[in-house]
PDB file of N, CA and C in Angstrom:
ATOM      1  N   MET A   1     -28.641   3.806  11.393  1.00  0.00           N
ATOM      2  CA  MET A   1     -27.251   3.869  10.981  1.00  0.00           C
ATOM      3  C   MET A   1     -27.189   3.707   9.459  1.00  0.00           C
ATOM      4  N   PRO A   2     -26.469   4.603   8.783  1.00  0.00           N
ATOM      5  CA  PRO A   2     -26.379   4.498   7.321  1.00  0.00           C
ATOM      6  C   PRO A   2     -25.534   3.294   6.910  1.00  0.00           C
ATOM      7  N   THR A   3     -25.835   2.777   5.762  1.00  0.00           N
ATOM      8  CA  THR A   3     -25.022   1.700   5.210  1.00  0.00           C
ATOM      9  C   THR A   3     -24.319   2.219   3.969  1.00  0.00           C
ATOM     10  N   PHE A   4     -23.186   1.651   3.676  1.00  0.00           N
ATOM     11  CA  PHE A   4     -22.380   2.082   2.551  1.00  0.00           C
ATOM     12  C   PHE A   4     -22.006   0.884   1.702  1.00  0.00           C
ATOM     13  N   ALA A   5     -21.999   1.087   0.404  1.00  0.00           N
ATOM     14  CA  ALA A   5     -21.460   0.074  -0.499  1.00  0.00           C
ATOM     15  C   ALA A   5     -19.943   0.157  -0.413  1.00  0.00           C
ATOM     16  N   PRO A   6     -19.245  -0.950  -0.548  1.00  0.00           N
ATOM     17  CA  PRO A   6     -17.780  -0.900  -0.488  1.00  0.00           C
ATOM     18  C   PRO A   6     -17.179   0.114  -1.461  1.00  0.00           C
ATOM     19  N   ALA A   7     -17.757   0.265  -2.632  1.00  0.00           N
ATOM     20  CA  ALA A   7     -17.216   1.212  -3.616  1.00  0.00           C
ATOM     21  C   ALA A   7     -17.411   2.666  -3.209  1.00  0.00           C
ATOM     22  N   ASP A   8     -18.190   2.914  -2.151  1.00  0.00           N
ATOM     23  CA  ASP A   8     -18.384   4.271  -1.638  1.00  0.00           C
ATOM     24  C   ASP A   8     -17.356   4.623  -0.571  1.00  0.00           C
ATOM     25  N   ILE A   9     -16.482   3.695  -0.257  1.00  0.00           N
ATOM     26  CA  ILE A   9     -15.494   3.888   0.805  1.00  0.00           C
ATOM     27  C   ILE A   9     -14.118   4.130   0.180  1.00  0.00           C
ATOM     28  N   LEU A  10     -13.421   5.131   0.666  1.00  0.00           N
ATOM     29  CA  LEU A  10     -12.059   5.413   0.230  1.00  0.00           C
ATOM     30  C   LEU A  10     -11.091   4.955   1.315  1.00  0.00           C
ATOM     31  N   VAL A  11     -10.066   4.235   0.913  1.00  0.00           N
ATOM     32  CA  VAL A  11      -8.969   3.913   1.818  1.00  0.00           C
ATOM     33  C   VAL A  11      -7.771   4.684   1.294  1.00  0.00           C
ATOM     34  N   VAL A  12      -7.274   5.608   2.091  1.00  0.00           N
ATOM     35  CA  VAL A  12      -6.154   6.455   1.702  1.00  0.00           C
ATOM     36  C   VAL A  12      -4.914   5.966   2.438  1.00  0.00           C
ATOM     37  N   GLY A  13      -3.870   5.703   1.669  1.00  0.00           N
ATOM     38  CA  GLY A  13      -2.648   5.228   2.302  1.00  0.00           C
ATOM     39  C   GLY A  13      -1.433   5.465   1.443  1.00  0.00           C
ATOM     40  N   ASP A  14      -0.269   5.205   2.020  1.00  0.00           N
ATOM     41  CA  ASP A  14       0.970   5.463   1.295  1.00  0.00           C
ATOM     42  C   ASP A  14       1.826   4.218   1.092  1.00  0.00           C
ATOM     43  N   THR A  15       1.213   3.041   1.244  1.00  0.00           N
ATOM     44  CA  THR A  15       1.953   1.800   1.021  1.00  0.00           C
ATOM     45  C   THR A  15       1.117   0.832   0.189  1.00  0.00           C
ATOM     46  N   PRO A  16       1.784  -0.117  -0.479  1.00  0.00           N
ATOM     47  CA  PRO A  16       1.040  -1.151  -1.192  1.00  0.00           C
ATOM     48  C   PRO A  16       0.134  -1.966  -0.253  1.00  0.00           C
ATOM     49  N   ASN A  17       0.493  -2.073   1.010  1.00  0.00           N
ATOM     50  CA  ASN A  17      -0.373  -2.780   1.961  1.00  0.00           C
ATOM     51  C   ASN A  17      -1.693  -2.031   2.164  1.00  0.00           C
ATOM     52  N   ASP A  18      -1.647  -0.715   2.154  1.00  0.00           N
ATOM     53  CA  ASP A  18      -2.871   0.084   2.260  1.00  0.00           C
ATOM     54  C   ASP A  18      -3.760  -0.153   1.040  1.00  0.00           C
ATOM     55  N   VAL A  19      -3.132  -0.233  -0.127  1.00  0.00           N
ATOM     56  CA  VAL A  19      -3.870  -0.513  -1.361  1.00  0.00           C
ATOM     57  C   VAL A  19      -4.509  -1.895  -1.276  1.00  0.00           C
ATOM     58  N   ALA A  20      -3.753  -2.870  -0.814  1.00  0.00           N
ATOM     59  CA  ALA A  20      -4.281  -4.234  -0.672  1.00  0.00           C
ATOM     60  C   ALA A  20      -5.443  -4.280   0.312  1.00  0.00           C
ATOM     61  N   CYS A  21      -5.379  -3.498   1.361  1.00  0.00           N
ATOM     62  CA  CYS A  21      -6.463  -3.413   2.337  1.00  0.00           C
ATOM     63  C   CYS A  21      -7.739  -2.942   1.652  1.00  0.00           C
ATOM     64  N   ALA A  22      -7.626  -1.884   0.859  1.00  0.00           N
ATOM     65  CA  ALA A  22      -8.793  -1.366   0.140  1.00  0.00           C
ATOM     66  C   ALA A  22      -9.352  -2.424  -0.805  1.00  0.00           C
ATOM     67  N   GLN A  23      -8.474  -3.073  -1.542  1.00  0.00           N
ATOM     68  CA  GLN A  23      -8.911  -4.079  -2.497  1.00  0.00           C
ATOM     69  C   GLN A  23      -9.600  -5.250  -1.799  1.00  0.00           C
ATOM     70  N   ALA A  24      -9.132  -5.615  -0.637  1.00  0.00           N
ATOM     71  CA  ALA A  24      -9.693  -6.758   0.087  1.00  0.00           C
ATOM     72  C   ALA A  24     -11.156  -6.559   0.453  1.00  0.00           C
ATOM     73  N   VAL A  25     -11.553  -5.312   0.638  1.00  0.00           N
ATOM     74  CA  VAL A  25     -12.949  -5.045   1.027  1.00  0.00           C
ATOM     75  C   VAL A  25     -13.752  -4.393  -0.096  1.00  0.00           C
ATOM     76  N   GLY A  26     -13.137  -4.224  -1.271  1.00  0.00           N
ATOM     77  CA  GLY A  26     -13.846  -3.638  -2.399  1.00  0.00           C
ATOM     78  C   GLY A  26     -13.934  -2.128  -2.369  1.00  0.00           C
ATOM     79  N   ALA A  27     -13.113  -1.501  -1.528  1.00  0.00           N
ATOM     80  CA  ALA A  27     -13.104  -0.039  -1.425  1.00  0.00           C
ATOM     81  C   ALA A  27     -12.223   0.552  -2.524  1.00  0.00           C
ATOM     82  N   VAL A  28     -12.298   1.852  -2.682  1.00  0.00           N
ATOM     83  CA  VAL A  28     -11.460   2.572  -3.641  1.00  0.00           C
ATOM     84  C   VAL A  28     -10.111   2.835  -2.989  1.00  0.00           C
ATOM     85  N   ALA A  29      -9.059   2.376  -3.636  1.00  0.00           N
ATOM     86  CA  ALA A  29      -7.705   2.564  -3.113  1.00  0.00           C
ATOM     87  C   ALA A  29      -7.146   3.890  -3.615  1.00  0.00           C
ATOM     88  N   VAL A  30      -6.831   4.779  -2.686  1.00  0.00           N
ATOM     89  CA  VAL A  30      -6.240   6.077  -3.004  1.00  0.00           C
ATOM     90  C   VAL A  30      -4.830   6.097  -2.427  1.00  0.00           C
ATOM     91  N   GLY A  31      -3.847   6.148  -3.303  1.00  0.00           N
ATOM     92  CA  GLY A  31      -2.466   6.183  -2.855  1.00  0.00           C
ATOM     93  C   GLY A  31      -1.962   7.606  -2.758  1.00  0.00           C
ATOM     94  N   VAL A  32      -1.109   7.834  -1.772  1.00  0.00           N
ATOM     95  CA  VAL A  32      -0.445   9.123  -1.611  1.00  0.00           C
ATOM     96  C   VAL A  32       1.045   8.826  -1.485  1.00  0.00           C
ATOM     97  N   ALA A  33       1.803   9.281  -2.453  1.00  0.00           N
ATOM     98  CA  ALA A  33       3.222   8.944  -2.522  1.00  0.00           C
ATOM     99  C   ALA A  33       4.070   9.838  -1.629  1.00  0.00           C
ATOM    100  N   THR A  34       3.731   9.881  -0.350  1.00  0.00           N
ATOM    101  CA  THR A  34       4.474  10.719   0.588  1.00  0.00           C
ATOM    102  C   THR A  34       5.388   9.894   1.490  1.00  0.00           C
ATOM    103  N   GLY A  35       5.284   8.594   1.400  1.00  0.00           N
ATOM    104  CA  GLY A  35       6.111   7.723   2.235  1.00  0.00           C
ATOM    105  C   GLY A  35       7.275   7.172   1.435  1.00  0.00           C
ATOM    106  N   GLY A  36       7.570   5.926   1.665  1.00  0.00           N
ATOM    107  CA  GLY A  36       8.701   5.286   1.014  1.00  0.00           C
ATOM    108  C   GLY A  36       8.390   4.699  -0.344  1.00  0.00           C
ATOM    109  N   TYR A  37       7.159   4.874  -0.826  1.00  0.00           N
ATOM    110  CA  TYR A  37       6.756   4.307  -2.110  1.00  0.00           C
ATOM    111  C   TYR A  37       6.406   5.416  -3.091  1.00  0.00           C
ATOM    112  N   THR A  38       6.743   5.185  -4.350  1.00  0.00           N
ATOM    113  CA  THR A  38       6.465   6.172  -5.390  1.00  0.00           C
ATOM    114  C   THR A  38       5.029   6.026  -5.896  1.00  0.00           C
ATOM    115  N   ALA A  39       4.602   7.012  -6.665  1.00  0.00           N
ATOM    116  CA  ALA A  39       3.288   6.928  -7.300  1.00  0.00           C
ATOM    117  C   ALA A  39       3.225   5.689  -8.182  1.00  0.00           C
ATOM    118  N   TYR A  40       4.310   5.396  -8.898  1.00  0.00           N
ATOM    119  CA  TYR A  40       4.348   4.209  -9.746  1.00  0.00           C
ATOM    120  C   TYR A  40       4.154   2.944  -8.912  1.00  0.00           C
ATOM    121  N   ASP A  41       4.823   2.854  -7.766  1.00  0.00           N
ATOM    122  CA  ASP A  41       4.683   1.679  -6.897  1.00  0.00           C
ATOM    123  C   ASP A  41       3.228   1.480  -6.490  1.00  0.00           C
ATOM    124  N   LEU A  42       2.569   2.574  -6.136  1.00  0.00           N
ATOM    125  CA  LEU A  42       1.188   2.489  -5.676  1.00  0.00           C
ATOM    126  C   LEU A  42       0.243   2.115  -6.813  1.00  0.00           C
ATOM    127  N   LEU A  43       0.482   2.693  -8.002  1.00  0.00           N
ATOM    128  CA  LEU A  43      -0.318   2.324  -9.172  1.00  0.00           C
ATOM    129  C   LEU A  43      -0.098   0.868  -9.543  1.00  0.00           C
ATOM    130  N   ALA A  44       1.153   0.435  -9.511  1.00  0.00           N
ATOM    131  CA  ALA A  44       1.469  -0.956  -9.836  1.00  0.00           C
ATOM    132  C   ALA A  44       0.827  -1.913  -8.840  1.00  0.00           C
ATOM    133  N   GLY A  45       0.640  -1.438  -7.613  1.00  0.00           N
ATOM    134  CA  GLY A  45      -0.004  -2.251  -6.588  1.00  0.00           C
ATOM    135  C   GLY A  45      -1.514  -2.267  -6.694  1.00  0.00           C
ATOM    136  N   GLY A  46      -2.055  -1.451  -7.614  1.00  0.00           N
ATOM    137  CA  GLY A  46      -3.495  -1.472  -7.837  1.00  0.00           C
ATOM    138  C   GLY A  46      -4.262  -0.266  -7.356  1.00  0.00           C
ATOM    139  N   ALA A  47      -3.565   0.780  -6.892  1.00  0.00           N
ATOM    140  CA  ALA A  47      -4.279   1.992  -6.473  1.00  0.00           C
ATOM    141  C   ALA A  47      -5.047   2.552  -7.658  1.00  0.00           C
ATOM    142  N   GLU A  48      -6.285   2.934  -7.425  1.00  0.00           N
ATOM    143  CA  GLU A  48      -7.126   3.481  -8.490  1.00  0.00           C
ATOM    144  C   GLU A  48      -6.844   4.962  -8.728  1.00  0.00           C
ATOM    145  N   ILE A  49      -6.447   5.651  -7.677  1.00  0.00           N
ATOM    146  CA  ILE A  49      -6.154   7.079  -7.728  1.00  0.00           C
ATOM    147  C   ILE A  49      -4.862   7.292  -6.948  1.00  0.00           C
ATOM    148  N   VAL A  50      -3.974   8.126  -7.467  1.00  0.00           N
ATOM    149  CA  VAL A  50      -2.718   8.399  -6.754  1.00  0.00           C
ATOM    150  C   VAL A  50      -2.435   9.893  -6.778  1.00  0.00           C
ATOM    151  N   PHE A  51      -2.048  10.398  -5.636  1.00  0.00           N
ATOM    152  CA  PHE A  51      -1.581  11.770  -5.489  1.00  0.00           C
ATOM    153  C   PHE A  51      -0.101  11.714  -5.156  1.00  0.00           C
ATOM    154  N   GLU A  52       0.680  12.594  -5.765  1.00  0.00           N
ATOM    155  CA  GLU A  52       2.103  12.679  -5.428  1.00  0.00           C
ATOM    156  C   GLU A  52       2.274  13.166  -3.993  1.00  0.00           C
ATOM    157  N   THR A  53       1.458  14.163  -3.614  1.00  0.00           N
ATOM    158  CA  THR A  53       1.456  14.710  -2.259  1.00  0.00           C
ATOM    159  C   THR A  53       0.021  15.094  -1.928  1.00  0.00           C
ATOM    160  N   LEU A  54      -0.196  15.507  -0.721  1.00  0.00           N
ATOM    161  CA  LEU A  54      -1.516  16.018  -0.355  1.00  0.00           C
ATOM    162  C   LEU A  54      -1.578  17.537  -0.478  1.00  0.00           C
ATOM    163  N   GLU A  55      -0.586  18.124  -1.149  1.00  0.00           N
ATOM    164  CA  GLU A  55      -0.609  19.563  -1.383  1.00  0.00           C
ATOM    165  C   GLU A  55      -1.729  19.953  -2.340  1.00  0.00           C
ATOM    166  N   ASP A  56      -2.201  18.994  -3.127  1.00  0.00           N
ATOM    167  CA  ASP A  56      -3.311  19.248  -4.049  1.00  0.00           C
ATOM    168  C   ASP A  56      -4.617  19.134  -3.260  1.00  0.00           C
ATOM    169  N   THR A  57      -4.815  20.087  -2.368  1.00  0.00           N
ATOM    170  CA  THR A  57      -5.997  20.014  -1.491  1.00  0.00           C
ATOM    171  C   THR A  57      -7.286  20.136  -2.281  1.00  0.00           C
ATOM    172  N   GLU A  58      -7.274  20.903  -3.366  1.00  0.00           N
ATOM    173  CA  GLU A  58      -8.483  21.035  -4.171  1.00  0.00           C
ATOM    174  C   GLU A  58      -8.829  19.700  -4.844  1.00  0.00           C
ATOM    175  N   GLY A  59      -7.833  19.029  -5.405  1.00  0.00           N
ATOM    176  CA  GLY A  59      -8.073  17.737  -6.039  1.00  0.00           C
ATOM    177  C   GLY A  59      -8.535  16.697  -5.037  1.00  0.00           C
ATOM    178  N   PHE A  60      -7.922  16.685  -3.877  1.00  0.00           N
ATOM    179  CA  PHE A  60      -8.308  15.727  -2.843  1.00  0.00           C
ATOM    180  C   PHE A  60      -9.720  16.013  -2.337  1.00  0.00           C
ATOM    181  N   SER A  61     -10.048  17.284  -2.192  1.00  0.00           N
ATOM    182  CA  SER A  61     -11.408  17.661  -1.743  1.00  0.00           C
ATOM    183  C   SER A  61     -12.448  17.238  -2.773  1.00  0.00           C
ATOM    184  N   ARG A  62     -12.153  17.396  -4.055  1.00  0.00           N
ATOM    185  CA  ARG A  62     -13.082  16.964  -5.102  1.00  0.00           C
ATOM    186  C   ARG A  62     -13.302  15.459  -5.042  1.00  0.00           C
ATOM    187  N   LEU A  63     -12.285  14.731  -4.712  1.00  0.00           N
ATOM    188  CA  LEU A  63     -12.392  13.283  -4.594  1.00  0.00           C
ATOM    189  C   LEU A  63     -13.394  12.911  -3.507  1.00  0.00           C
ATOM    190  N   LEU A  64     -13.359  13.646  -2.413  1.00  0.00           N
ATOM    191  CA  LEU A  64     -14.269  13.354  -1.322  1.00  0.00           C
ATOM    192  C   LEU A  64     -15.682  13.720  -1.704  1.00  0.00           C
TER     193      LEU A  64
END
């Protein structure tokens, strides 16, 4: 079974709680401002990367 460093894991979510989840385990917090929170809210909560929407499929694919 492969092992992963926490920094190799992406947690993608649309709330500050999702960002906090990523931070709690040392993962990369990726915010997507498609829910009730803005990109600013997610950045202010500590998201390292934020997408306004997932329409940027090329950018999201590069992230992976």
